[in-house]
């Protein structure tokens, strides 16, 4: 029976059967495992950002509908009220765009931090392997 919590278990056992002089197969498998974990973490960050983006867009649409409803109640008789509604709508749109841009920026920063950290670890692992010879 396979261990479902460790997808690398069978691979590790298989690779350890192959003895290559000077190559630590378990360290090699562990390194690839860390690479995959970093990619999974970056994908989680992107997924969370996508959800936050969708929530923000839903909030924007809801607010826009409420504003349209309020504008129709004002009627055509008060031009200053229409001007104020239009001004507020423009300001709100700019704020919403800033929020969406911040969500996207944070997502990219989080994803890149995870991948950059792993890339640096990977470079250190390679240096260690080369210095053993």
Protein backbone atom coordinates (compact mmCIF):
# COMPACT_ATOMS: atom_id res chain seq x y z
CA UNK A 1 0.00 0.00 0.00
CA UNK A 2 1.33 3.46 -0.89
CA UNK A 3 1.69 6.28 1.64
CA UNK A 4 -0.78 8.94 0.39
CA UNK A 5 0.73 11.65 2.61
CA UNK A 6 4.18 11.38 1.03
CA UNK A 7 4.07 11.25 -2.78
CA UNK A 8 7.89 11.09 -2.80
CA UNK A 9 8.14 7.88 -0.73
CA UNK A 10 8.11 5.44 -3.64
CA UNK A 11 10.32 7.67 -5.74
CA UNK A 12 12.86 7.95 -2.93
CA UNK A 13 12.95 4.16 -2.49
CA UNK A 14 13.30 3.62 -6.22
CA UNK A 15 16.13 6.12 -6.63
CA UNK A 16 18.00 4.84 -3.58
CA UNK A 17 18.27 1.47 -5.35
CA UNK A 18 20.49 3.12 -7.93
CA UNK A 19 23.83 3.76 -6.30
CA UNK A 20 25.75 6.37 -8.25
CA UNK A 21 29.14 7.13 -6.78
CA UNK A 22 29.31 10.67 -5.40
CA UNK A 23 25.57 11.31 -5.73
CA UNK A 24 23.35 11.36 -2.66
CA UNK A 25 20.06 10.24 -4.20
CA UNK A 26 17.99 10.95 -1.09
CA UNK A 27 19.36 14.51 -0.98
CA UNK A 28 18.55 14.88 -4.66
CA UNK A 29 14.97 13.70 -4.10
CA UNK A 30 14.61 15.96 -1.05
CA UNK A 31 15.81 18.92 -3.10
CA UNK A 32 13.24 18.25 -5.85
CA UNK A 33 10.58 17.84 -3.16
CA UNK A 34 11.42 21.31 -1.85
CA UNK A 35 11.21 22.69 -5.39
CA UNK A 36 7.71 21.29 -5.79
CA UNK A 37 6.66 22.60 -2.38
CA UNK A 38 7.82 26.10 -3.38
CA UNK A 39 5.77 25.91 -6.57
CA UNK A 40 2.73 24.72 -4.60
CA UNK A 41 3.15 27.65 -2.20
CA UNK A 42 3.36 30.12 -5.10
CA UNK A 43 0.22 28.59 -6.62
CA UNK A 44 -1.64 28.89 -3.31
CA UNK A 45 -0.70 32.55 -3.17
CA UNK A 46 -1.94 33.10 -6.72
CA UNK A 47 -5.19 31.24 -5.97
CA UNK A 48 -5.82 33.30 -2.83
CA UNK A 49 -5.20 36.49 -4.77
CA UNK A 50 -7.61 35.37 -7.50
CA UNK A 51 -10.28 34.82 -4.86
CA UNK A 52 -9.62 38.24 -3.29
CA UNK A 53 -9.77 39.80 -6.75
CA UNK A 54 -13.15 38.17 -7.44
CA UNK A 55 -14.51 39.27 -4.05
CA UNK A 56 -13.41 42.85 -4.74
CA UNK A 57 -15.01 42.82 -8.18
CA UNK A 58 -18.25 41.48 -6.69
CA UNK A 59 -18.16 44.23 -4.09
CA UNK A 60 -17.56 46.82 -6.84
CA UNK A 61 -20.50 45.55 -8.89
CA UNK A 62 -22.80 45.52 -5.87
CA UNK A 63 -21.83 49.07 -4.98
CA UNK A 64 -22.27 50.23 -8.58
CA UNK A 65 -25.77 48.75 -8.65
CA UNK A 66 -26.66 50.48 -5.39
CA UNK A 67 -25.31 53.77 -6.76
CA UNK A 68 -27.36 53.41 -9.95
CA UNK A 69 -30.44 52.72 -7.88
CA UNK A 70 -29.75 55.83 -5.76
CA UNK A 71 -29.22 57.91 -8.89
CA UNK A 72 -32.57 56.90 -10.35
CA UNK A 73 -34.29 57.97 -7.14
CA UNK A 74 -32.80 61.45 -7.35
CA UNK A 75 -34.60 62.03 -10.63
CA UNK A 76 -33.81 64.45 -13.43
CA UNK A 77 -34.84 67.55 -11.47
CA UNK A 78 -31.64 68.07 -9.44
CA UNK A 79 -28.55 68.53 -11.66
CA UNK A 80 -26.27 69.25 -8.69
CA UNK A 81 -27.21 65.93 -7.10
CA UNK A 82 -26.38 64.15 -10.37
CA UNK A 83 -23.04 65.92 -10.55
CA UNK A 84 -22.25 64.86 -7.00
CA UNK A 85 -23.24 61.26 -7.73
CA UNK A 86 -21.04 61.23 -10.84
CA UNK A 87 -18.11 62.73 -8.92
CA UNK A 88 -18.46 60.17 -6.13
CA UNK A 89 -18.73 57.34 -8.65
CA UNK A 90 -15.48 58.45 -10.31
CA UNK A 91 -13.67 58.70 -6.97
CA UNK A 92 -14.94 55.27 -5.95
CA UNK A 93 -13.83 53.77 -9.27
CA UNK A 94 -10.30 55.14 -8.78
CA UNK A 95 -10.16 53.73 -5.23
CA UNK A 96 -11.42 50.36 -6.43
CA UNK A 97 -8.79 50.24 -9.17
CA UNK A 98 -6.09 51.01 -6.59
CA UNK A 99 -7.39 48.14 -4.44
CA UNK A 100 -7.34 45.72 -7.38
CA UNK A 101 -3.81 46.80 -8.29
CA UNK A 102 -2.69 46.27 -4.68
CA UNK A 103 -4.19 42.77 -4.62
CA UNK A 104 -2.32 41.91 -7.82
CA UNK A 105 0.94 43.44 -6.56
CA UNK A 106 0.78 41.60 -3.24
CA UNK A 107 0.07 38.33 -5.01
CA UNK A 108 3.12 38.73 -7.22
CA UNK A 109 5.34 39.68 -4.27
CA UNK A 110 4.18 36.68 -2.23
CA UNK A 111 4.61 34.22 -5.09
CA UNK A 112 8.04 35.55 -6.02
CA UNK A 113 9.22 35.50 -2.40
CA UNK A 114 8.48 31.79 -2.14
CA UNK A 115 10.17 30.99 -5.44
CA UNK A 116 13.16 33.24 -4.78
CA UNK A 117 13.71 31.68 -1.36
CA UNK A 118 13.72 28.21 -2.90
CA UNK A 119 16.01 29.30 -5.74
CA UNK A 120 18.52 30.61 -3.19
CA UNK A 121 18.31 27.37 -1.21
CA UNK A 122 18.78 25.42 -4.43
CA UNK A 123 21.90 27.42 -5.31
CA UNK A 124 23.32 26.68 -1.85
CA UNK A 125 22.58 22.98 -2.28
CA UNK A 126 24.41 22.94 -5.61
CA UNK A 127 27.42 24.74 -4.07
CA UNK A 128 27.50 22.16 -1.27
CA UNK A 129 27.35 19.27 -3.74
CA UNK A 130 30.15 20.73 -5.84
CA UNK A 131 32.36 21.47 -2.85
CA UNK A 132 32.24 17.82 -1.68
CA UNK A 133 34.26 16.64 -4.69
